[in-house]
């Protein structure tokens, strides 16, 4: 089983919409949503392109998650220094 991490632009109201949309994709076992980070983790055997396509079909902007996204989320939350240290320790 593999995990796919995505950045999905959403507000709290979209959480239910994201879960419902992704639960219909063949091969998806579990969907975890972190609204404050705009992060979605999909576990299962679904293809990443099919997951992205399903989200875009319901009008949500989505892209693969990267360490840069985590840095930007932390900066917006005000904990920039801690996130910057974690980001640069990856390289």
Protein backbone atom coordinates (compact mmCIF):
# COMPACT_ATOMS: atom_id res chain seq x y z
CA UNK A 1 0.00 0.00 0.00
CA UNK A 2 1.33 3.47 -0.81
CA UNK A 3 0.61 6.95 0.48
CA UNK A 4 0.13 10.01 -1.68
CA UNK A 5 0.52 13.44 -0.10
CA UNK A 6 -1.19 16.39 -1.75
CA UNK A 7 -1.63 20.10 -1.18
CA UNK A 8 -5.27 20.97 -1.73
CA UNK A 9 -6.45 24.58 -1.54
CA UNK A 10 -9.47 24.42 0.75
CA UNK A 11 -11.30 25.83 3.71
CA UNK A 12 -12.95 23.89 6.51
CA UNK A 13 -16.12 23.58 4.45
CA UNK A 14 -14.29 21.57 1.78
CA UNK A 15 -13.12 18.78 4.10
CA UNK A 16 -16.28 16.73 3.67
CA UNK A 17 -16.21 17.36 -0.07
CA UNK A 18 -12.60 16.12 -0.31
CA UNK A 19 -13.34 12.96 1.68
CA UNK A 20 -16.45 12.15 -0.37
CA UNK A 21 -14.70 12.79 -3.68
CA UNK A 22 -11.65 10.66 -2.87
CA UNK A 23 -13.60 7.81 -1.31
CA UNK A 24 -15.13 7.18 -4.74
CA UNK A 25 -11.74 6.73 -6.44
CA UNK A 26 -10.98 3.08 -7.05
CA UNK A 27 -8.12 1.84 -4.86
CA UNK A 28 -8.34 4.48 -2.13
CA UNK A 29 -8.31 2.88 1.33
CA UNK A 30 -8.03 5.89 3.67
CA UNK A 31 -8.12 9.70 3.42
CA UNK A 32 -6.56 11.97 6.06
CA UNK A 33 -7.20 15.72 5.87
CA UNK A 34 -5.29 18.46 7.71
CA UNK A 35 -7.27 21.60 6.91
CA UNK A 36 -4.87 24.02 8.63
CA UNK A 37 -1.97 22.84 6.44
CA UNK A 38 -4.16 22.24 3.38
CA UNK A 39 -2.66 18.75 3.29
CA UNK A 40 -4.38 15.53 2.24
CA UNK A 41 -2.82 12.08 2.65
CA UNK A 42 -4.39 9.32 0.57
CA UNK A 43 -3.51 5.72 1.39
CA UNK A 44 -4.21 2.85 -0.98
CA UNK A 45 -3.38 1.60 -4.45
CA UNK A 46 -4.83 4.49 -6.45
CA UNK A 47 -2.80 6.25 -9.12
CA UNK A 48 -1.75 9.82 -8.21
CA UNK A 49 -3.01 11.23 -11.51
CA UNK A 50 -6.48 9.73 -10.93
CA UNK A 51 -6.58 11.27 -7.44
CA UNK A 52 -5.60 14.70 -8.76
CA UNK A 53 -8.10 14.42 -11.60
CA UNK A 54 -10.94 13.55 -9.19
CA UNK A 55 -10.16 16.58 -7.00
CA UNK A 56 -9.98 18.92 -9.97
CA UNK A 57 -13.26 17.55 -11.31
CA UNK A 58 -15.08 18.81 -8.19
CA UNK A 59 -13.40 22.22 -8.46
CA UNK A 60 -10.53 21.90 -5.97
CA UNK A 61 -6.99 22.97 -6.85
CA UNK A 62 -4.49 20.25 -5.98
CA UNK A 63 -0.80 19.52 -6.47
CA UNK A 64 1.71 17.02 -5.09
CA UNK A 65 2.95 17.86 -1.59
CA UNK A 66 6.55 19.04 -1.22
CA UNK A 67 8.74 20.20 1.71
CA UNK A 68 8.35 23.72 0.29
CA UNK A 69 4.59 23.54 1.00
CA UNK A 70 5.30 22.71 4.63
CA UNK A 71 7.64 25.68 4.89
CA UNK A 72 5.04 28.04 3.43
CA UNK A 73 2.30 26.70 5.72
CA UNK A 74 4.49 27.16 8.78
CA UNK A 75 5.44 30.67 7.68
CA UNK A 76 1.77 31.58 7.36
CA UNK A 77 1.13 30.15 10.83
CA UNK A 78 3.98 32.19 12.33
CA UNK A 79 6.41 29.40 13.14
CA UNK A 80 8.78 30.22 10.28
CA UNK A 81 12.10 29.64 12.05
CA UNK A 82 11.24 26.15 13.19
CA UNK A 83 10.01 25.19 9.72
CA UNK A 84 13.06 26.71 8.02
CA UNK A 85 15.37 24.62 10.19
CA UNK A 86 13.42 21.46 9.33
CA UNK A 87 13.41 22.33 5.62
CA UNK A 88 17.14 22.89 5.35
CA UNK A 89 17.94 19.78 7.38
CA UNK A 90 16.38 17.74 4.56
CA UNK A 91 19.24 18.67 2.20
